[in-house]
Amino acid sequence: MRLIATIVALVSFNAFSCPQLAGNYSYCRSTTGAAPEVSDMVITQKSENGVTTYTMASTDVEDQERSTHEYYADGKPRVETSESEMGEITDSMTFTCKGKELKSRQYLSIAEEMFFDVNIDYKKNGQELMIKYKGTVAGIEFEDTLNCN
């Protein structure tokens, strides 16, 4: 009986250890202009079997394209490969929860050459969502923060 209670406690703790980011954000403004600004961002989240899943939908301000992505905060890399005329493209994303932040590492390589390698941290401060970017794109280092409200 104690073993069952311990397992339930661990699963419950893991399910609630990720930050609560769910909400509607009308505009995400860049502090440096390096990251793309988005509008109408909607984040939902759910926890199943100890894994928190975030669904993020937003509209790119520049081209008005709407996109929706689902991210699993389980620390496991999600890797996709495809072929292009430039060579094999490898796209990898890993999401983990650490304290009050959702942390991700995303990288993309083309023909085994790193195109971008970026860490993105999501953190809520009151009603505002902060998304911090830090990494390299095409060999150039950049850092930016999107402030969403």
N, C-alpha and C. Protein backbone atom coordinates (compact mmCIF):
# COMPACT_ATOMS: atom_id res chain seq x y z
N MET A 1 0.83 -1.20 0.00
CA MET A 1 0.00 0.00 0.00
C MET A 1 0.87 1.26 0.00
N ARG A 2 1.95 1.25 0.79
CA ARG A 2 2.85 2.41 0.81
C ARG A 2 3.48 2.64 -0.56
N LEU A 3 3.82 1.55 -1.24
CA LEU A 3 4.43 1.66 -2.56
C LEU A 3 3.47 2.35 -3.53
N ILE A 4 2.22 1.99 -3.49
CA ILE A 4 1.22 2.60 -4.37
C ILE A 4 1.08 4.09 -4.05
N ALA A 5 1.02 4.43 -2.77
CA ALA A 5 0.92 5.84 -2.37
C ALA A 5 2.14 6.63 -2.82
N THR A 6 3.32 6.03 -2.72
CA THR A 6 4.55 6.70 -3.16
C THR A 6 4.53 6.93 -4.65
N ILE A 7 4.12 5.94 -5.43
CA ILE A 7 4.05 6.08 -6.88
C ILE A 7 3.05 7.17 -7.26
N VAL A 8 1.88 7.17 -6.64
CA VAL A 8 0.87 8.19 -6.92
C VAL A 8 1.41 9.58 -6.59
N ALA A 9 2.10 9.71 -5.48
CA ALA A 9 2.67 11.00 -5.08
C ALA A 9 3.71 11.46 -6.08
N LEU A 10 4.57 10.56 -6.54
CA LEU A 10 5.60 10.94 -7.51
C LEU A 10 4.99 11.35 -8.84
N VAL A 11 4.01 10.60 -9.31
CA VAL A 11 3.36 10.95 -10.57
C VAL A 11 2.63 12.29 -10.43
N SER A 12 1.96 12.51 -9.33
CA SER A 12 1.26 13.77 -9.11
C SER A 12 2.24 14.92 -9.04
N PHE A 13 3.36 14.74 -8.34
CA PHE A 13 4.37 15.81 -8.26
C PHE A 13 4.92 16.13 -9.63
N ASN A 14 5.23 15.10 -10.42
CA ASN A 14 5.77 15.32 -11.75
C ASN A 14 4.77 16.05 -12.64
N ALA A 15 3.50 15.71 -12.55
CA ALA A 15 2.49 16.34 -13.38
C ALA A 15 2.32 17.82 -13.05
N PHE A 16 2.59 18.20 -11.80
CA PHE A 16 2.41 19.59 -11.40
C PHE A 16 3.73 20.34 -11.31
N SER A 17 4.84 19.73 -11.70
CA SER A 17 6.13 20.40 -11.57
C SER A 17 6.43 21.34 -12.73
N CYS A 18 5.61 21.32 -13.77
CA CYS A 18 5.80 22.22 -14.90
C CYS A 18 5.05 23.53 -14.64
N PRO A 19 5.56 24.63 -15.21
CA PRO A 19 4.91 25.92 -14.96
C PRO A 19 3.56 26.03 -15.66
N GLN A 20 2.68 26.81 -15.06
CA GLN A 20 1.36 27.08 -15.62
C GLN A 20 1.50 28.24 -16.60
N LEU A 21 1.51 27.93 -17.89
CA LEU A 21 1.68 28.94 -18.93
C LEU A 21 0.40 29.19 -19.72
N ALA A 22 -0.63 28.38 -19.46
CA ALA A 22 -1.87 28.49 -20.23
C ALA A 22 -2.44 29.89 -20.14
N GLY A 23 -2.92 30.36 -21.29
CA GLY A 23 -3.54 31.68 -21.33
C GLY A 23 -3.65 32.20 -22.75
N ASN A 24 -4.25 33.37 -22.85
CA ASN A 24 -4.39 34.07 -24.13
C ASN A 24 -3.55 35.34 -24.05
N TYR A 25 -2.72 35.54 -25.04
CA TYR A 25 -1.82 36.69 -25.08
C TYR A 25 -2.05 37.41 -26.40
N SER A 26 -2.43 38.68 -26.32
CA SER A 26 -2.82 39.39 -27.53
C SER A 26 -1.63 39.76 -28.40
N TYR A 27 -0.47 40.07 -27.79
CA TYR A 27 0.68 40.49 -28.59
C TYR A 27 1.98 40.14 -27.86
N CYS A 28 2.94 39.63 -28.62
CA CYS A 28 4.27 39.32 -28.07
C CYS A 28 5.28 40.21 -28.78
N ARG A 29 5.81 41.18 -28.02
CA ARG A 29 6.69 42.20 -28.57
C ARG A 29 8.15 41.84 -28.30
N SER A 30 8.97 41.96 -29.35
CA SER A 30 10.40 41.68 -29.26
C SER A 30 11.14 42.87 -28.64
N THR A 31 12.14 42.59 -27.81
CA THR A 31 12.93 43.68 -27.22
C THR A 31 14.07 44.12 -28.12
N THR A 32 14.50 43.26 -29.07
CA THR A 32 15.62 43.63 -29.95
C THR A 32 15.28 43.53 -31.43
N GLY A 33 14.19 42.86 -31.78
CA GLY A 33 13.83 42.68 -33.17
C GLY A 33 14.41 41.41 -33.79
N ALA A 34 15.17 40.64 -33.01
CA ALA A 34 15.78 39.42 -33.55
C ALA A 34 14.78 38.27 -33.66
N ALA A 35 13.86 38.17 -32.73
CA ALA A 35 12.85 37.10 -32.75
C ALA A 35 11.58 37.62 -33.41
N PRO A 36 10.86 36.74 -34.10
CA PRO A 36 9.63 37.18 -34.77
C PRO A 36 8.53 37.51 -33.76
N GLU A 37 7.87 38.64 -33.95
CA GLU A 37 6.76 39.02 -33.08
C GLU A 37 5.52 38.25 -33.51
N VAL A 38 4.69 37.90 -32.52
CA VAL A 38 3.46 37.15 -32.80
C VAL A 38 2.28 37.81 -32.10
N SER A 39 1.10 37.51 -32.61
CA SER A 39 -0.12 38.02 -31.99
C SER A 39 -1.09 36.85 -31.78
N ASP A 40 -2.12 37.13 -31.01
CA ASP A 40 -3.18 36.14 -30.74
C ASP A 40 -2.61 34.79 -30.31
N MET A 41 -1.67 34.79 -29.38
CA MET A 41 -1.09 33.54 -28.89
C MET A 41 -2.03 32.90 -27.87
N VAL A 42 -2.29 31.63 -28.08
CA VAL A 42 -3.11 30.85 -27.15
C VAL A 42 -2.29 29.65 -26.73
N ILE A 43 -2.12 29.48 -25.42
CA ILE A 43 -1.40 28.33 -24.89
C ILE A 43 -2.35 27.52 -24.02
N THR A 44 -2.42 26.22 -24.30
CA THR A 44 -3.15 25.30 -23.44
C THR A 44 -2.15 24.26 -22.95
N GLN A 45 -2.45 23.66 -21.85
CA GLN A 45 -1.58 22.60 -21.35
C GLN A 45 -2.39 21.54 -20.63
N LYS A 46 -1.84 20.32 -20.69
CA LYS A 46 -2.48 19.21 -19.98
C LYS A 46 -1.38 18.26 -19.52
N SER A 47 -1.68 17.51 -18.50
CA SER A 47 -0.73 16.52 -17.98
C SER A 47 -1.36 15.15 -18.03
N GLU A 48 -0.63 14.21 -18.65
CA GLU A 48 -1.07 12.82 -18.72
C GLU A 48 0.14 11.94 -18.48
N ASN A 49 -0.04 10.94 -17.65
CA ASN A 49 1.03 9.97 -17.36
C ASN A 49 2.33 10.66 -16.97
N GLY A 50 2.24 11.75 -16.22
CA GLY A 50 3.43 12.44 -15.72
C GLY A 50 4.11 13.35 -16.73
N VAL A 51 3.52 13.55 -17.91
CA VAL A 51 4.12 14.41 -18.94
C VAL A 51 3.19 15.58 -19.21
N THR A 52 3.73 16.79 -19.13
CA THR A 52 2.94 17.97 -19.46
C THR A 52 3.11 18.29 -20.93
N THR A 53 1.99 18.47 -21.61
CA THR A 53 1.97 18.82 -23.03
C THR A 53 1.45 20.24 -23.17
N TYR A 54 2.21 21.05 -23.89
CA TYR A 54 1.81 22.43 -24.17
C TYR A 54 1.41 22.52 -25.64
N THR A 55 0.27 23.12 -25.91
CA THR A 55 -0.13 23.43 -27.28
C THR A 55 -0.11 24.94 -27.42
N MET A 56 0.68 25.42 -28.40
CA MET A 56 0.84 26.85 -28.60
C MET A 56 0.42 27.22 -30.01
N ALA A 57 -0.52 28.15 -30.11
CA ALA A 57 -0.99 28.64 -31.40
C ALA A 57 -0.77 30.15 -31.42
N SER A 58 -0.28 30.67 -32.55
CA SER A 58 -0.05 32.10 -32.67
C SER A 58 -0.03 32.51 -34.14
N THR A 59 -0.10 33.81 -34.36
CA THR A 59 -0.06 34.37 -35.70
C THR A 59 1.21 35.20 -35.84
N ASP A 60 2.01 34.91 -36.87
CA ASP A 60 3.21 35.68 -37.16
C ASP A 60 2.78 37.08 -37.62
N VAL A 61 3.30 38.12 -36.96
CA VAL A 61 2.88 39.49 -37.26
C VAL A 61 3.28 39.88 -38.68
N GLU A 62 4.44 39.42 -39.13
CA GLU A 62 4.94 39.84 -40.44
C GLU A 62 4.13 39.27 -41.61
N ASP A 63 3.92 37.94 -41.61
CA ASP A 63 3.23 37.35 -42.77
C ASP A 63 1.79 36.91 -42.46
N GLN A 64 1.34 37.12 -41.22
CA GLN A 64 -0.02 36.79 -40.78
C GLN A 64 -0.35 35.30 -40.88
N GLU A 65 0.68 34.46 -40.90
CA GLU A 65 0.46 33.02 -40.95
C GLU A 65 0.20 32.49 -39.54
N ARG A 66 -0.86 31.70 -39.42
CA ARG A 66 -1.23 31.10 -38.13
C ARG A 66 -0.61 29.72 -38.04
N SER A 67 0.00 29.40 -36.89
CA SER A 67 0.58 28.06 -36.71
C SER A 67 0.25 27.54 -35.32
N THR A 68 0.19 26.23 -35.22
CA THR A 68 -0.07 25.55 -33.96
C THR A 68 0.97 24.45 -33.79
N HIS A 69 1.55 24.38 -32.60
CA HIS A 69 2.57 23.38 -32.30
C HIS A 69 2.28 22.75 -30.94
N GLU A 70 2.62 21.47 -30.84
CA GLU A 70 2.45 20.73 -29.59
C GLU A 70 3.82 20.32 -29.08
N TYR A 71 4.09 20.60 -27.80
CA TYR A 71 5.39 20.31 -27.21
C TYR A 71 5.22 19.44 -25.97
N TYR A 72 6.05 18.41 -25.85
CA TYR A 72 6.02 17.48 -24.72
C TYR A 72 7.19 17.79 -23.79
N ALA A 73 6.89 18.19 -22.57
CA ALA A 73 7.93 18.57 -21.61
C ALA A 73 8.40 17.33 -20.86
N ASP A 74 9.05 16.43 -21.59
CA ASP A 74 9.52 15.18 -20.98
C ASP A 74 11.03 15.00 -21.07
N GLY A 75 11.73 16.01 -21.59
CA GLY A 75 13.19 15.92 -21.68
C GLY A 75 13.70 15.04 -22.81
N LYS A 76 12.81 14.51 -23.62
CA LYS A 76 13.22 13.63 -24.72
C LYS A 76 13.31 14.42 -26.02
N PRO A 77 14.42 14.29 -26.75
CA PRO A 77 14.52 14.99 -28.03
C PRO A 77 13.52 14.43 -29.04
N ARG A 78 12.88 15.31 -29.76
CA ARG A 78 12.01 14.94 -30.88
C ARG A 78 12.80 15.32 -32.14
N VAL A 79 13.19 14.34 -32.91
CA VAL A 79 14.06 14.57 -34.06
C VAL A 79 13.32 14.19 -35.33
N GLU A 80 13.35 15.08 -36.30
CA GLU A 80 12.78 14.81 -37.61
C GLU A 80 13.86 15.04 -38.65
N THR A 81 13.91 14.18 -39.64
CA THR A 81 14.85 14.35 -40.75
C THR A 81 14.09 14.36 -42.06
N SER A 82 14.62 15.11 -43.00
CA SER A 82 14.04 15.16 -44.33
C SER A 82 15.16 15.46 -45.33
N GLU A 83 14.86 15.23 -46.58
CA GLU A 83 15.85 15.48 -47.64
C GLU A 83 15.50 16.77 -48.36
N SER A 84 16.55 17.48 -48.77
CA SER A 84 16.37 18.66 -49.60
C SER A 84 17.48 18.67 -50.64
N GLU A 85 17.41 19.59 -51.58
CA GLU A 85 18.47 19.67 -52.59
C GLU A 85 19.80 20.09 -51.99
N MET A 86 19.77 20.65 -50.76
CA MET A 86 21.00 21.04 -50.07
C MET A 86 21.57 19.91 -49.21
N GLY A 87 20.83 18.83 -49.05
CA GLY A 87 21.25 17.70 -48.23
C GLY A 87 20.22 17.38 -47.17
N GLU A 88 20.59 16.48 -46.27
CA GLU A 88 19.67 16.06 -45.22
C GLU A 88 19.46 17.18 -44.21
N ILE A 89 18.20 17.40 -43.84
CA ILE A 89 17.85 18.39 -42.84
C ILE A 89 17.46 17.64 -41.57
N THR A 90 18.09 17.99 -40.46
CA THR A 90 17.76 17.40 -39.16
C THR A 90 17.24 18.51 -38.26
N ASP A 91 16.05 18.32 -37.71
CA ASP A 91 15.40 19.29 -36.84
C ASP A 91 15.15 18.59 -35.50
N SER A 92 15.64 19.18 -34.41
CA SER A 92 15.50 18.55 -33.10
C SER A 92 14.97 19.56 -32.08
N MET A 93 14.05 19.11 -31.23
CA MET A 93 13.51 19.94 -30.15
C MET A 93 13.42 19.10 -28.89
N THR A 94 13.85 19.69 -27.78
CA THR A 94 13.75 19.05 -26.48
C THR A 94 13.15 20.05 -25.50
N PHE A 95 12.12 19.65 -24.77
CA PHE A 95 11.47 20.51 -23.79
C PHE A 95 11.54 19.87 -22.41
N THR A 96 11.89 20.68 -21.40
CA THR A 96 11.93 20.21 -20.02
C THR A 96 11.40 21.31 -19.10
N CYS A 97 10.92 20.92 -17.96
CA CYS A 97 10.45 21.87 -16.96
C CYS A 97 11.51 21.98 -15.87
N LYS A 98 11.80 23.21 -15.49
CA LYS A 98 12.77 23.45 -14.42
C LYS A 98 12.25 24.61 -13.59
N GLY A 99 11.75 24.27 -12.40
CA GLY A 99 11.18 25.30 -11.54
C GLY A 99 9.98 25.95 -12.20
N LYS A 100 10.04 27.26 -12.33
CA LYS A 100 8.93 28.01 -12.92
C LYS A 100 9.12 28.28 -14.40
N GLU A 101 10.03 27.54 -15.04
CA GLU A 101 10.31 27.76 -16.45
C GLU A 101 10.13 26.49 -17.28
N LEU A 102 9.65 26.70 -18.49
CA LEU A 102 9.67 25.66 -19.52
C LEU A 102 10.88 25.97 -20.37
N LYS A 103 11.81 25.03 -20.46
CA LYS A 103 13.05 25.26 -21.19
C LYS A 103 13.08 24.37 -22.42
N SER A 104 13.58 24.94 -23.51
CA SER A 104 13.71 24.14 -24.72
C SER A 104 15.04 24.39 -25.40
N ARG A 105 15.49 23.38 -26.09
CA ARG A 105 16.66 23.52 -26.97
C ARG A 105 16.20 23.06 -28.33
N GLN A 106 16.42 23.91 -29.31
CA GLN A 106 16.02 23.59 -30.66
C GLN A 106 17.21 23.80 -31.58
N TYR A 107 17.45 22.83 -32.43
CA TYR A 107 18.51 23.02 -33.42
C TYR A 107 18.11 22.41 -34.75
N LEU A 108 18.73 22.95 -35.78
CA LEU A 108 18.47 22.51 -37.13
C LEU A 108 19.81 22.47 -37.87
N SER A 109 20.08 21.35 -38.52
CA SER A 109 21.29 21.25 -39.33
C SER A 109 20.91 20.87 -40.75
N ILE A 110 21.72 21.35 -41.68
CA ILE A 110 21.53 21.05 -43.10
C ILE A 110 22.83 20.46 -43.60
N ALA A 111 22.76 19.24 -44.14
CA ALA A 111 23.96 18.53 -44.62
C ALA A 111 25.04 18.51 -43.53
N GLU A 112 24.60 18.21 -42.30
CA GLU A 112 25.48 18.08 -41.13
C GLU A 112 26.14 19.39 -40.70
N GLU A 113 25.72 20.51 -41.26
CA GLU A 113 26.20 21.83 -40.84
C GLU A 113 25.12 22.48 -39.98
N MET A 114 25.50 22.92 -38.77
CA MET A 114 24.53 23.54 -37.87
C MET A 114 24.02 24.85 -38.48
N PHE A 115 22.70 24.96 -38.63
CA PHE A 115 22.12 26.21 -39.12
C PHE A 115 21.67 27.08 -37.95
N PHE A 116 20.93 26.47 -37.02
CA PHE A 116 20.64 27.20 -35.79
C PHE A 116 20.64 26.27 -34.60
N ASP A 117 20.98 26.86 -33.45
CA ASP A 117 21.03 26.16 -32.17
C ASP A 117 20.60 27.18 -31.13
N VAL A 118 19.37 27.04 -30.64
CA VAL A 118 18.77 28.07 -29.82
C VAL A 118 18.15 27.47 -28.56
N ASN A 119 18.39 28.13 -27.43
CA ASN A 119 17.70 27.81 -26.19
C ASN A 119 16.57 28.81 -26.03
N ILE A 120 15.38 28.31 -25.71
CA ILE A 120 14.21 29.17 -25.52
C ILE A 120 13.60 28.84 -24.17
N ASP A 121 13.47 29.87 -23.33
CA ASP A 121 12.90 29.70 -21.99
C ASP A 121 11.59 30.46 -21.91
N TYR A 122 10.55 29.78 -21.40
CA TYR A 122 9.23 30.36 -21.24
C TYR A 122 8.97 30.52 -19.75
N LYS A 123 8.56 31.72 -19.35
CA LYS A 123 8.30 31.97 -17.93
C LYS A 123 7.20 33.00 -17.79
N LYS A 124 6.29 32.74 -16.88
CA LYS A 124 5.20 33.68 -16.63
C LYS A 124 5.58 34.59 -15.47
N ASN A 125 5.31 35.88 -15.64
CA ASN A 125 5.55 36.88 -14.60
C ASN A 125 4.23 37.62 -14.42
N GLY A 126 3.45 37.21 -13.43
CA GLY A 126 2.10 37.75 -13.29
C GLY A 126 1.25 37.29 -14.46
N GLN A 127 0.65 38.23 -15.18
CA GLN A 127 -0.14 37.89 -16.36
C GLN A 127 0.68 37.92 -17.64
N GLU A 128 1.94 38.34 -17.54
CA GLU A 128 2.79 38.46 -18.72
C GLU A 128 3.63 37.19 -18.91
N LEU A 129 3.74 36.77 -20.16
CA LEU A 129 4.59 35.64 -20.52
C LEU A 129 5.87 36.19 -21.13
N MET A 130 7.01 35.72 -20.64
CA MET A 130 8.30 36.12 -21.20
C MET A 130 8.91 34.91 -21.89
N ILE A 131 9.35 35.12 -23.14
CA ILE A 131 9.99 34.06 -23.92
C ILE A 131 11.38 34.56 -24.27
N LYS A 132 12.40 33.92 -23.67
CA LYS A 132 13.78 34.36 -23.88
C LYS A 132 14.49 33.43 -24.86
N TYR A 133 15.11 34.03 -25.86
CA TYR A 133 15.87 33.31 -26.88
C TYR A 133 17.34 33.60 -26.71
N LYS A 134 18.17 32.57 -26.84
CA LYS A 134 19.61 32.77 -26.82
C LYS A 134 20.25 31.64 -27.63
N GLY A 135 21.08 32.00 -28.61
CA GLY A 135 21.71 30.97 -29.42
C GLY A 135 22.39 31.53 -30.64
N THR A 136 22.55 30.66 -31.63
CA THR A 136 23.18 31.08 -32.88
C THR A 136 22.27 30.69 -34.05
N VAL A 137 22.25 31.57 -35.02
CA VAL A 137 21.53 31.33 -36.27
C VAL A 137 22.49 31.67 -37.39
N ALA A 138 22.76 30.70 -38.26
CA ALA A 138 23.70 30.87 -39.38
C ALA A 138 25.05 31.40 -38.88
N GLY A 139 25.47 30.90 -37.71
CA GLY A 139 26.77 31.27 -37.16
C GLY A 139 26.80 32.60 -36.43
N ILE A 140 25.70 33.30 -36.36
CA ILE A 140 25.64 34.60 -35.69
C ILE A 140 24.92 34.44 -34.36
N GLU A 141 25.56 34.90 -33.28
CA GLU A 141 24.93 34.82 -31.96
C GLU A 141 23.84 35.87 -31.83
N PHE A 142 22.75 35.48 -31.17
CA PHE A 142 21.69 36.45 -30.90
C PHE A 142 21.02 36.13 -29.57
N GLU A 143 20.36 37.17 -29.07
CA GLU A 143 19.62 37.07 -27.81
C GLU A 143 18.43 38.00 -27.93
N ASP A 144 17.28 37.55 -27.48
CA ASP A 144 16.08 38.39 -27.55
C ASP A 144 15.08 37.90 -26.51
N THR A 145 14.14 38.76 -26.18
CA THR A 145 13.04 38.40 -25.30
C THR A 145 11.74 38.89 -25.92
N LEU A 146 10.75 38.01 -25.96
CA LEU A 146 9.41 38.42 -26.34
C LEU A 146 8.61 38.61 -25.05
N ASN A 147 7.97 39.75 -24.92
CA ASN A 147 7.10 40.03 -23.79
C ASN A 147 5.66 39.95 -24.30
N CYS A 148 4.91 38.99 -23.76
CA CYS A 148 3.55 38.74 -24.23
C CYS A 148 2.54 39.15 -23.16
N ASN A 149 1.53 39.91 -23.57
CA ASN A 149 0.48 40.28 -22.63
C ASN A 149 -0.87 40.25 -23.30
